[in-house]
Amino acid sequence: MQYRVTVARNGQLHDLTLSAPSAADARRQAEAGGGHVVACHHARTLRRRTPFSTTLFTQELSALLRAGLSLIESIEALRDKTSATAESETRTVLDHLLDGLLQGLPLSRVLTGLTAQFSPLYVATVASAERTGHLADALARYHHYEARLAAVRRKVASALIYPAVVIAVGMGIMAFLLFFVIPRFSQVYASMRELPPAAQWLLWWGQTVEAHGGLIATTLAASVMMLIVAVRRANLVGRITTLAWRIPQLQAFQRLLALTKLYRTTGLLLAGGLAAVPALRLSASLLPVFLQNAMSKAISEIEAGMPVADTLARHALTTPVAERLLRVGERSGELPEMCERAAQFCDEAIDRTIDTTTKLIEPCLMLVVGVLVGGIVFLLYMPIFELAGSMQ
């Protein structure tokens, strides 16, 4: 650990930064050079702990293995390029990997002790590659697998950006009208005796904001903060998401996403040399809850000798195109390639669904925001129209 030590020496104060396991050891180190220790405390660092990137590690390790380096040499090279002075999680992980390999353990066995950094799918991919001796190719396939899944997640996230912006802008406009425009505009009706209902509401709201604007703003801010805290503690986002997935259209979209992950994961494991049943069993853990029961039954039937394509289709775990591709892959012995092609067809279906949904949601949101803002503006001017009509 790093300690900041202030030492009085020859009538002057000197600040030292020392590495020591404890504050007492740091004091002894400082006093060994002469002088008296005035203060000793932990050294504050502005560096943030660097997280470990599995994607970057996979890409770099695959490149080094393909360049001809051995596994130990590749991990040593990755460790040496990592800063030793920074509090880096990457350095810690690489040291752990290197220590295990130097003890004679296989890489997959070492990875099982790093569950926070490496998923069971990653460990299974490495274990299957160790049996075939093509670790570099397996890592490259896994990197491609992660890149494809990340691309799907980006598509879904980008489709949500525009609606979120429209909602935020609409709420901003509504707040501006309610807390700035209406209080000032309502003063026009303050001197009038007989007012229409809309004008009375405007006048009441304007007077309320003028009298208790600070309290209203504080209450709203506190409510937002309490809502954020409640969401984080009670996991309301997860519950709302679970309820949203029960909508038939969203459930069909979630099923398509799950099938994409199922085909791509199964293809990755089959290409690495894993048998069909273990590959499907490992892929089943990535499926949502409402599909896991059907997948368990399908795996039991496949384990009993039933064909993969027919069994998955019988349990509604395929699309019409995917079913035909998997059947062709079973007959030709190219099931891994056909799983990847089935995932690509699902990707295209996801793209079409996102595009269609976005084209429908965007005008609907604009219509809702326009109606709300237009309604407030209409309430502002309707009393004037009513008063003008009564004077004729």
Protein backbone atom coordinates (compact mmCIF):
# COMPACT_ATOMS: atom_id res chain seq x y z
CA MET A 1 0.00 0.00 0.00
CA GLN A 2 1.06 3.58 -0.60
CA TYR A 3 1.65 5.88 2.41
CA ARG A 4 2.30 9.61 2.54
CA VAL A 5 4.87 10.30 5.28
CA THR A 6 5.95 13.73 6.59
CA VAL A 7 9.45 13.64 8.10
CA ALA A 8 11.21 16.36 10.12
CA ARG A 9 14.89 16.33 9.23
CA ASN A 10 17.52 19.02 9.91
CA GLY A 11 14.83 21.51 10.87
CA GLN A 12 12.86 21.00 7.64
CA LEU A 13 9.75 18.99 6.72
CA HIS A 14 9.96 16.49 3.88
CA ASP A 15 7.02 14.67 2.25
CA LEU A 16 7.74 11.09 1.17
CA THR A 17 5.62 8.50 -0.62
CA LEU A 18 6.49 4.97 0.50
CA SER A 19 5.19 1.49 -0.33
CA ALA A 20 4.68 -0.64 2.78
CA PRO A 21 2.27 -3.31 4.04
CA SER A 22 1.27 -1.18 7.05
CA ALA A 23 1.63 2.31 8.50
CA ALA A 24 4.13 1.07 11.11
CA ASP A 25 6.39 -0.33 8.39
CA ALA A 26 6.17 2.96 6.52
CA ARG A 27 7.22 4.84 9.67
CA ARG A 28 10.20 2.51 10.16
CA GLN A 29 11.29 3.00 6.55
CA ALA A 30 11.12 6.77 6.94
CA GLU A 31 13.00 6.78 10.25
CA ALA A 32 15.71 4.53 8.81
CA GLY A 33 16.83 7.43 6.62
CA GLY A 34 17.12 9.71 9.62
CA GLY A 35 14.65 12.20 11.08
CA HIS A 36 11.40 12.09 12.98
CA VAL A 37 8.05 11.09 11.48
CA VAL A 38 5.51 13.86 11.96
CA ALA A 39 2.55 12.33 10.10
CA CYS A 40 1.75 9.14 8.20
CA HIS A 41 -1.42 8.44 6.24
CA HIS A 42 -2.64 6.61 3.16
CA ALA A 43 -1.59 8.21 -0.09
CA ARG A 44 -4.59 9.28 -2.13
CA THR A 45 -4.40 8.44 -5.79
CA LEU A 46 -6.33 10.05 -8.59
CA ARG A 47 -6.13 6.92 -10.66
CA ARG A 48 -9.24 4.84 -10.87
CA ARG A 49 -9.00 1.09 -10.76
CA THR A 50 -8.84 -0.13 -14.34
CA PRO A 51 -11.46 -2.83 -14.98
CA PHE A 52 -10.59 -6.03 -16.79
CA SER A 53 -11.85 -6.18 -20.39
CA THR A 54 -12.61 -9.74 -21.47
CA THR A 55 -13.19 -8.62 -25.05
CA LEU A 56 -9.80 -6.90 -25.33
CA PHE A 57 -8.05 -9.82 -23.61
CA THR A 58 -9.62 -12.31 -26.03
CA GLN A 59 -8.72 -10.25 -29.08
CA GLU A 60 -5.11 -9.69 -28.04
CA LEU A 61 -4.53 -13.28 -26.87
CA SER A 62 -5.91 -14.68 -30.12
CA ALA A 63 -3.63 -12.38 -32.14
CA LEU A 64 -0.53 -13.38 -30.13
CA LEU A 65 -1.30 -17.09 -30.41
CA ARG A 66 -1.77 -16.79 -34.16
CA ALA A 67 1.58 -14.97 -34.35
CA GLY A 68 3.29 -18.12 -33.06
CA LEU A 69 3.75 -17.40 -29.35
CA SER A 70 2.98 -20.06 -26.80
CA LEU A 71 0.15 -19.56 -24.33
CA ILE A 72 2.45 -18.68 -21.42
CA GLU A 73 4.52 -16.32 -23.58
CA SER A 74 1.35 -14.60 -24.80
CA ILE A 75 0.00 -14.00 -21.30
CA GLU A 76 3.44 -12.83 -20.12
CA ALA A 77 3.48 -10.33 -22.99
CA LEU A 78 0.02 -9.07 -22.05
CA ARG A 79 1.04 -8.76 -18.40
CA ASP A 80 4.28 -6.93 -19.19
CA LYS A 81 2.47 -4.28 -21.22
CA THR A 82 0.13 -3.59 -18.28
CA SER A 83 1.30 -0.89 -15.87
CA ALA A 84 2.61 -2.40 -12.64
CA THR A 85 2.16 0.79 -10.61
CA ALA A 86 -1.53 1.35 -11.35
CA GLU A 87 -4.22 -0.39 -9.33
CA SER A 88 -5.15 -2.45 -12.34
CA GLU A 89 -7.56 -5.37 -12.20
CA THR A 90 -6.10 -6.48 -15.53
CA ARG A 91 -2.68 -6.95 -13.96
CA THR A 92 -4.18 -9.01 -11.12
CA VAL A 93 -6.10 -11.27 -13.49
CA LEU A 94 -3.08 -11.84 -15.74
CA ASP A 95 -0.88 -12.66 -12.75
CA HIS A 96 -3.46 -15.21 -11.60
CA LEU A 97 -3.61 -16.79 -15.06
CA LEU A 98 0.16 -16.94 -15.35
CA ASP A 99 0.58 -18.49 -11.89
CA GLY A 100 -1.93 -21.22 -12.71
CA LEU A 101 -0.35 -22.02 -16.07
CA LEU A 102 3.14 -22.20 -14.54
CA GLN A 103 1.77 -24.75 -12.07
CA GLY A 104 0.80 -26.96 -15.00
CA LEU A 105 -2.96 -26.33 -14.93
CA PRO A 106 -4.91 -26.04 -18.20
CA LEU A 107 -6.23 -22.59 -19.06
CA SER A 108 -9.87 -23.63 -18.67
CA ARG A 109 -9.16 -24.85 -15.13
CA VAL A 110 -7.54 -21.53 -14.23
CA LEU A 111 -10.45 -19.58 -15.72
CA THR A 112 -12.95 -21.35 -13.46
CA GLY A 113 -11.43 -19.47 -10.52
CA LEU A 114 -12.19 -16.11 -12.16
CA THR A 115 -15.97 -16.24 -12.40
CA ALA A 116 -16.30 -12.45 -12.17
CA GLN A 117 -14.31 -11.97 -15.38
CA PHE A 118 -15.02 -15.13 -17.42
CA SER A 119 -18.47 -16.60 -18.00
CA PRO A 120 -19.19 -20.36 -18.05
CA LEU A 121 -19.64 -20.04 -21.82
CA TYR A 122 -16.12 -18.62 -22.14
CA VAL A 123 -14.68 -21.43 -20.00
CA ALA A 124 -16.54 -24.07 -22.05
CA THR A 125 -15.24 -22.55 -25.28
CA VAL A 126 -11.65 -22.69 -24.03
CA ALA A 127 -12.11 -26.24 -22.65
CA SER A 128 -13.43 -27.54 -25.98
CA ALA A 129 -10.58 -25.82 -27.85
CA GLU A 130 -7.99 -27.41 -25.55
CA ARG A 131 -9.19 -30.83 -26.70
CA THR A 132 -8.84 -29.92 -30.37
CA GLY A 133 -5.69 -27.80 -30.05
CA HIS A 134 -7.17 -24.78 -31.86
CA LEU A 135 -7.32 -22.24 -29.05
CA ALA A 136 -6.58 -19.22 -31.25
CA ASP A 137 -9.44 -20.07 -33.62
CA ALA A 138 -11.83 -20.67 -30.71
CA LEU A 139 -10.95 -17.32 -29.16
CA ALA A 140 -11.46 -15.61 -32.51
CA ARG A 141 -14.89 -17.24 -32.83
CA TYR A 142 -15.80 -16.13 -29.31
CA HIS A 143 -14.70 -12.56 -30.09
CA HIS A 144 -16.90 -12.61 -33.20
CA TYR A 145 -19.76 -14.01 -31.09
CA GLU A 146 -19.43 -11.18 -28.54
CA ALA A 147 -19.22 -8.59 -31.32
CA ARG A 148 -22.43 -9.85 -32.93
CA LEU A 149 -24.34 -9.84 -29.63
CA ALA A 150 -23.00 -6.36 -28.84
CA ALA A 151 -24.22 -5.18 -32.26
CA VAL A 152 -27.73 -6.45 -31.51
CA ARG A 153 -27.71 -4.71 -28.12
CA ARG A 154 -26.58 -1.45 -29.76
CA LYS A 155 -29.42 -1.66 -32.27
CA VAL A 156 -31.99 -2.06 -29.51
CA ALA A 157 -30.42 0.74 -27.44
CA SER A 158 -30.20 3.14 -30.39
CA ALA A 159 -33.86 2.50 -31.18
CA LEU A 160 -34.75 3.73 -27.67
CA ILE A 161 -32.70 6.94 -27.87
CA TYR A 162 -35.07 8.95 -30.07
CA PRO A 163 -38.22 8.18 -28.00
CA ALA A 164 -36.32 9.06 -24.84
CA VAL A 165 -35.22 12.39 -26.33
CA VAL A 166 -38.76 13.20 -27.48
CA ILE A 167 -40.16 12.42 -24.02
CA ALA A 168 -37.47 14.50 -22.30
CA VAL A 169 -38.03 17.48 -24.60
CA GLY A 170 -41.79 17.21 -24.16
CA MET A 171 -41.45 17.16 -20.37
CA GLY A 172 -39.14 20.18 -20.54
CA ILE A 173 -41.63 22.14 -22.60
CA MET A 174 -44.47 21.17 -20.26
CA ALA A 175 -42.45 22.30 -17.22
CA PHE A 176 -41.62 25.62 -18.93
CA LEU A 177 -45.29 26.27 -19.70
CA LEU A 178 -46.55 25.24 -16.25
CA PHE A 179 -43.96 27.03 -14.12
CA PHE A 180 -43.01 30.07 -16.22
CA VAL A 181 -45.57 30.93 -18.87
CA ILE A 182 -48.87 30.19 -17.07
CA PRO A 183 -48.01 32.10 -13.82
CA ARG A 184 -47.25 35.24 -15.83
CA PHE A 185 -50.05 34.84 -18.35
CA SER A 186 -52.66 34.21 -15.63
CA GLN A 187 -52.14 37.69 -14.21
CA VAL A 188 -54.13 38.98 -17.17
CA TYR A 189 -57.24 37.46 -15.58
CA ALA A 190 -56.54 38.59 -12.00
CA SER A 191 -58.60 41.81 -12.27
CA MET A 192 -61.61 40.13 -13.88
CA ARG A 193 -64.64 39.16 -11.80
CA GLU A 194 -66.50 36.58 -13.85
CA LEU A 195 -64.11 34.09 -15.35
CA PRO A 196 -64.67 30.96 -17.40
CA PRO A 197 -63.60 27.67 -15.74
CA ALA A 198 -60.40 27.48 -17.78
CA ALA A 199 -59.37 30.99 -16.71
CA GLN A 200 -60.16 30.19 -13.07
CA TRP A 201 -57.91 27.13 -13.24
CA LEU A 202 -55.11 29.16 -14.84
CA LEU A 203 -55.42 31.90 -12.24
CA TRP A 204 -55.39 29.35 -9.38
CA TRP A 205 -52.33 27.58 -10.74
CA GLY A 206 -50.48 30.83 -11.37
CA GLN A 207 -51.16 32.09 -7.85
CA THR A 208 -50.11 28.74 -6.36
CA VAL A 209 -46.79 28.78 -8.23
CA GLU A 210 -46.17 32.41 -7.28
CA ALA A 211 -46.86 31.73 -3.60
CA HIS A 212 -45.32 28.29 -3.19
CA GLY A 213 -42.98 27.89 -6.18
CA GLY A 214 -39.98 27.00 -4.01
CA LEU A 215 -41.93 24.39 -2.08
CA ILE A 216 -43.29 22.83 -5.28
CA ALA A 217 -39.82 22.68 -6.85
CA THR A 218 -38.35 21.15 -3.68
CA THR A 219 -41.16 18.59 -3.49
CA LEU A 220 -40.68 17.60 -7.12
CA ALA A 221 -36.90 17.28 -6.71
CA ALA A 222 -37.34 15.21 -3.54
CA SER A 223 -39.88 12.99 -5.28
CA VAL A 224 -37.51 12.37 -8.17
CA MET A 225 -34.68 11.50 -5.78
CA MET A 226 -36.91 9.16 -3.77
CA LEU A 227 -38.06 7.49 -6.98
CA ILE A 228 -34.46 6.94 -8.08
CA VAL A 229 -33.55 5.47 -4.68
CA ALA A 230 -36.63 3.24 -4.72
CA VAL A 231 -35.82 2.01 -8.21
CA ARG A 232 -32.28 1.10 -7.19
CA ARG A 233 -33.23 -0.59 -3.94
CA ALA A 234 -36.38 -2.41 -4.95
CA ASN A 235 -35.18 -3.32 -8.45
CA LEU A 236 -38.31 -1.74 -9.91
CA VAL A 237 -36.73 -1.55 -13.35
CA GLY A 238 -36.42 -5.32 -13.46
CA ARG A 239 -40.01 -5.77 -12.31
CA ILE A 240 -41.34 -3.26 -14.82
CA THR A 241 -39.30 -4.94 -17.55
CA THR A 242 -40.72 -8.33 -16.57
CA LEU A 243 -44.25 -6.96 -16.79
CA ALA A 244 -43.50 -5.27 -20.12
CA TRP A 245 -42.23 -8.54 -21.63
CA ARG A 246 -45.69 -10.04 -20.99
CA ILE A 247 -47.14 -7.86 -23.74
CA PRO A 248 -47.61 -10.26 -26.69
CA GLN A 249 -45.72 -8.10 -29.20
CA LEU A 250 -42.79 -7.56 -26.85
CA GLN A 251 -42.76 -11.22 -25.87
CA ALA A 252 -42.46 -12.20 -29.54
CA PHE A 253 -39.54 -9.78 -29.88
CA GLN A 254 -37.90 -11.20 -26.74
CA ARG A 255 -38.33 -14.72 -28.13
CA LEU A 256 -36.57 -13.65 -31.33
CA LEU A 257 -33.69 -12.18 -29.33
CA ALA A 258 -33.44 -15.37 -27.28
CA LEU A 259 -33.41 -17.61 -30.36
CA THR A 260 -30.65 -15.47 -31.87
CA LYS A 261 -28.52 -15.98 -28.78
CA LEU A 262 -29.40 -19.70 -28.67
CA TYR A 263 -28.34 -20.37 -32.26
CA ARG A 264 -25.21 -18.26 -32.09
CA THR A 265 -24.07 -19.76 -28.76
CA THR A 266 -24.78 -23.32 -29.87
CA GLY A 267 -22.93 -22.75 -33.14
CA LEU A 268 -19.94 -21.34 -31.27
CA LEU A 269 -19.72 -24.36 -28.95
CA LEU A 270 -20.29 -26.90 -31.74
CA ALA A 271 -17.56 -25.29 -33.83
CA GLY A 272 -15.21 -25.63 -30.86
CA GLY A 273 -15.74 -29.39 -30.75
CA LEU A 274 -18.44 -29.69 -28.06
CA ALA A 275 -21.19 -32.26 -28.55
CA ALA A 276 -24.74 -31.16 -29.35
CA VAL A 277 -26.34 -31.99 -25.98
CA PRO A 278 -23.71 -30.25 -23.78
CA ALA A 279 -23.74 -27.27 -26.16
CA LEU A 280 -27.52 -26.95 -25.97
CA ARG A 281 -27.51 -27.43 -22.21
CA LEU A 282 -24.99 -24.62 -21.76
CA SER A 283 -26.88 -22.39 -24.20
CA ALA A 284 -30.15 -23.02 -22.34
CA SER A 285 -28.86 -21.09 -19.33
CA LEU A 286 -28.86 -17.93 -21.47
CA LEU A 287 -32.55 -18.19 -22.37
CA PRO A 288 -35.32 -16.28 -20.58
CA VAL A 289 -37.37 -18.15 -17.99
CA PHE A 290 -40.42 -18.71 -20.19
CA LEU A 291 -38.30 -20.70 -22.70
CA GLN A 292 -36.11 -22.68 -20.32
CA ASN A 293 -38.78 -25.27 -19.53
CA ALA A 294 -39.34 -26.02 -23.22
CA MET A 295 -35.59 -26.15 -23.76
CA SER A 296 -35.14 -28.66 -20.93
CA LYS A 297 -37.74 -30.97 -22.49
CA ALA A 298 -36.11 -30.61 -25.91
CA ILE A 299 -32.66 -31.47 -24.53
CA SER A 300 -34.07 -34.60 -22.85
CA GLU A 301 -35.57 -35.76 -26.15
CA ILE A 302 -32.38 -34.99 -28.10
CA GLU A 303 -30.39 -36.90 -25.50
CA ALA A 304 -32.71 -39.85 -26.12
CA GLY A 305 -31.80 -39.80 -29.82
CA MET A 306 -34.35 -37.48 -31.43
CA PRO A 307 -33.20 -35.13 -34.25
CA VAL A 308 -32.18 -31.64 -33.17
CA ALA A 309 -34.15 -29.63 -35.75
CA ASP A 310 -37.43 -31.57 -35.37
CA THR A 311 -37.22 -31.52 -31.57
CA LEU A 312 -36.55 -27.78 -31.34
CA ALA A 313 -39.38 -27.10 -33.81
CA ARG A 314 -41.78 -29.28 -31.82
CA HIS A 315 -41.10 -27.18 -28.71
CA ALA A 316 -41.44 -23.83 -30.58
CA LEU A 317 -37.72 -23.09 -30.35
CA THR A 318 -37.18 -22.34 -34.03
CA THR A 319 -38.41 -20.08 -36.77
CA PRO A 320 -39.54 -21.57 -40.13
CA VAL A 321 -36.24 -20.59 -41.77
CA ALA A 322 -34.12 -21.76 -38.83
CA GLU A 323 -35.87 -25.12 -38.76
CA ARG A 324 -34.96 -25.81 -42.39
CA LEU A 325 -31.39 -24.63 -41.92
CA LEU A 326 -30.88 -26.84 -38.86
CA ARG A 327 -32.34 -29.82 -40.67
CA VAL A 328 -29.95 -29.30 -43.58
CA GLY A 329 -27.05 -28.89 -41.15
CA GLU A 330 -27.85 -32.22 -39.46
CA ARG A 331 -27.94 -34.05 -42.77
CA SER A 332 -24.76 -32.51 -44.17
CA GLY A 333 -22.75 -32.47 -40.93
CA GLU A 334 -22.49 -28.66 -41.00
CA LEU A 335 -24.68 -27.91 -37.99
CA PRO A 336 -22.33 -25.21 -36.54
CA GLU A 337 -22.41 -23.21 -39.79
CA MET A 338 -26.18 -23.58 -40.09
CA CYS A 339 -26.65 -22.39 -36.50
CA GLU A 340 -24.73 -19.23 -37.36
CA ARG A 341 -26.80 -18.72 -40.52
CA ALA A 342 -30.00 -19.19 -38.51
CA ALA A 343 -28.76 -16.52 -36.08
CA GLN A 344 -28.10 -14.17 -39.01
CA PHE A 345 -31.65 -14.63 -40.31
CA CYS A 346 -32.94 -13.84 -36.81
CA ASP A 347 -30.73 -10.73 -36.79
CA GLU A 348 -32.38 -9.57 -40.00
CA ALA A 349 -35.83 -10.18 -38.50
CA ILE A 350 -34.82 -8.16 -35.43
CA ASP A 351 -33.67 -5.30 -37.65
CA ARG A 352 -36.99 -5.28 -39.49
CA THR A 353 -38.93 -5.35 -36.22
CA ILE A 354 -36.91 -2.47 -34.78
CA ASP A 355 -37.33 -0.37 -37.93
CA THR A 356 -41.08 -0.97 -38.07
CA THR A 357 -41.57 -0.27 -34.37
CA THR A 358 -39.49 2.90 -34.53
CA LYS A 359 -41.49 4.20 -37.49
CA LEU A 360 -44.70 3.65 -35.53
CA ILE A 361 -43.55 4.96 -32.15
CA GLU A 362 -41.91 8.19 -33.35
CA PRO A 363 -45.05 9.82 -34.85
CA CYS A 364 -47.18 8.55 -31.93
CA LEU A 365 -44.85 10.20 -29.42
CA MET A 366 -44.80 13.42 -31.42
CA LEU A 367 -48.61 13.35 -31.52
CA VAL A 368 -48.88 12.84 -27.74
CA VAL A 369 -46.40 15.63 -26.97
CA GLY A 370 -48.12 17.92 -29.47
CA VAL A 371 -51.54 17.26 -27.94
CA LEU A 372 -50.29 17.97 -24.40
CA VAL A 373 -48.46 21.17 -25.33
CA GLY A 374 -51.26 22.29 -27.62
CA GLY A 375 -53.79 21.62 -24.89
CA ILE A 376 -51.97 23.92 -22.45
CA VAL A 377 -51.65 26.65 -25.09
CA PHE A 378 -55.35 26.25 -25.89
CA LEU A 379 -56.22 26.66 -22.19
CA LEU A 380 -54.18 29.86 -22.12
CA TYR A 381 -56.10 31.50 -24.95
CA MET A 382 -59.57 29.95 -24.54
CA PRO A 383 -60.65 32.40 -21.76
CA ILE A 384 -59.80 35.32 -24.04
CA PHE A 385 -61.93 33.81 -26.80
CA GLU A 386 -64.81 33.21 -24.37
CA LEU A 387 -64.62 36.75 -22.99
CA ALA A 388 -64.49 38.18 -26.50
CA GLY A 389 -67.55 36.15 -27.45
CA SER A 390 -69.53 37.32 -24.40
CA MET A 391 -68.85 40.99 -25.24
CA GLN A 392 -70.53 40.76 -28.64
